[in-house]
Amino acid sequence: MQVFNYIAIGISIAGSCIIIWGVLLTVFDFIKMELNRLVKKSDSNSDEKIRYSFSSYMLLGLDFMLAADIIHTIHNPVLKELYILAMIVAIRSVISFFMHKEMKN
């Protein structure tokens, strides 16, 4: 049973790494975009591309974290863990809904 906890931790770490990588790329792209604006080579679609890219990394990372929490809860079905999982699923669903809505616009 302990191996499933290690798997869940590994998946959670992978999700965190995906989000951190997305943040780093987004910050780099944002700085590059701002430097281009300073020299008057602004691209009006750059900020939407950056937002779309960041949202994609966030959603993918949250999916990995949700999978890790599901694995952990399945192998440790304590009522408190189920409540935490339900809250995480609800929060992730709301975030996903609004991110998808923003990405369509």
Protein backbone atom coordinates (compact mmCIF):
# COMPACT_ATOMS: atom_id res chain seq x y z
CA MET A 1 0.00 0.00 0.00
CA GLN A 2 2.90 2.35 0.65
CA VAL A 3 3.89 2.16 -3.02
CA PHE A 4 0.63 3.88 -4.01
CA ASN A 5 1.46 6.80 -1.72
CA TYR A 6 4.83 7.13 -3.44
CA ILE A 7 3.13 7.01 -6.84
CA ALA A 8 0.66 9.70 -5.75
CA ILE A 9 3.50 11.87 -4.46
CA GLY A 10 5.38 11.41 -7.75
CA ILE A 11 2.33 12.41 -9.78
CA SER A 12 1.77 15.42 -7.53
CA ILE A 13 5.39 16.49 -7.95
CA ALA A 14 5.01 16.12 -11.73
CA GLY A 15 1.94 18.38 -11.61
CA SER A 16 3.83 20.95 -9.57
CA CYS A 17 6.74 20.84 -12.02
CA ILE A 18 4.36 21.39 -14.95
CA ILE A 19 2.86 24.46 -13.24
CA ILE A 20 6.29 25.84 -12.30
CA TRP A 21 7.53 25.29 -15.87
CA GLY A 22 4.46 27.10 -17.19
CA VAL A 23 5.08 30.01 -14.83
CA LEU A 24 8.72 30.27 -15.90
CA LEU A 25 7.82 30.22 -19.59
CA THR A 26 5.06 32.75 -19.04
CA VAL A 27 7.34 35.14 -17.16
CA PHE A 28 9.98 34.80 -19.89
CA ASP A 29 7.41 35.43 -22.65
CA PHE A 30 5.95 38.36 -20.72
CA ILE A 31 9.36 40.00 -20.30
CA LYS A 32 10.09 39.44 -23.98
CA MET A 33 6.72 40.97 -24.93
CA GLU A 34 7.30 44.01 -22.73
CA LEU A 35 10.76 44.56 -24.17
CA ASN A 36 9.24 44.43 -27.67
CA ARG A 37 6.67 47.01 -26.61
CA LEU A 38 9.43 49.32 -25.45
CA VAL A 39 10.96 49.36 -28.91
CA LYS A 40 7.50 49.79 -30.49
CA LYS A 41 7.31 46.34 -32.05
CA SER A 42 4.18 45.44 -30.15
CA ASP A 43 2.14 42.44 -31.16
CA SER A 44 -1.47 42.87 -30.12
CA ASN A 45 -2.09 39.11 -29.91
CA SER A 46 0.95 38.34 -27.75
CA ASP A 47 -0.82 38.78 -24.43
CA GLU A 48 -3.64 36.43 -25.47
CA LYS A 49 -1.10 33.83 -26.58
CA ILE A 50 0.71 34.12 -23.27
CA ARG A 51 -2.54 33.77 -21.31
CA TYR A 52 -3.62 30.77 -23.38
CA SER A 53 -0.27 29.07 -22.89
CA PHE A 54 -0.26 29.72 -19.15
CA SER A 55 -3.84 28.48 -18.79
CA SER A 56 -2.94 25.28 -20.59
CA TYR A 57 -0.03 24.59 -18.23
CA MET A 58 -2.18 25.39 -15.20
CA LEU A 59 -4.96 23.04 -16.29
CA LEU A 60 -2.54 20.23 -17.08
CA GLY A 61 -0.76 20.63 -13.75
CA LEU A 62 -4.06 20.68 -11.87
CA ASP A 63 -5.13 17.50 -13.67
CA PHE A 64 -1.98 15.76 -12.46
CA MET A 65 -2.56 16.96 -8.90
CA LEU A 66 -6.17 15.83 -9.02
CA ALA A 67 -5.07 12.39 -10.20
CA ALA A 68 -2.60 12.17 -7.33
CA ASP A 69 -5.29 13.12 -4.81
CA ILE A 70 -7.67 10.54 -6.25
CA ILE A 71 -5.03 7.80 -5.96
CA HIS A 72 -4.24 8.85 -2.40
CA THR A 73 -7.90 8.94 -1.40
CA ILE A 74 -8.69 5.56 -2.97
CA HIS A 75 -5.97 3.91 -0.91
CA ASN A 76 -6.71 5.87 2.26
CA PRO A 77 -10.51 6.25 2.28
CA VAL A 78 -10.90 8.34 5.40
CA LEU A 79 -13.92 10.63 5.47
CA LYS A 80 -11.70 13.69 5.97
CA GLU A 81 -9.72 12.75 2.84
CA LEU A 82 -12.95 12.41 0.85
CA TYR A 83 -14.04 15.90 1.93
CA ILE A 84 -10.68 17.32 0.91
CA LEU A 85 -10.90 15.55 -2.46
CA ALA A 86 -14.43 16.86 -3.02
CA MET A 87 -13.26 20.41 -2.29
CA ILE A 88 -10.30 20.04 -4.64
CA VAL A 89 -12.53 18.68 -7.41
CA ALA A 90 -14.99 21.55 -6.92
CA ILE A 91 -12.26 24.21 -6.94
CA ARG A 92 -10.56 22.62 -9.95
CA SER A 93 -13.87 22.46 -11.82
CA VAL A 94 -14.58 26.15 -11.21
CA ILE A 95 -11.05 27.13 -12.26
CA SER A 96 -11.27 24.92 -15.34
CA PHE A 97 -14.65 26.35 -16.33
CA PHE A 98 -13.47 29.94 -16.16
CA MET A 99 -10.12 29.21 -17.82
CA HIS A 100 -11.84 27.43 -20.71
CA LYS A 101 -14.30 30.32 -20.99
CA GLU A 102 -11.44 32.83 -21.07
CA MET A 103 -9.46 30.75 -23.56
CA LYS A 104 -12.43 30.71 -25.97
CA ASN A 105 -12.62 34.52 -25.88
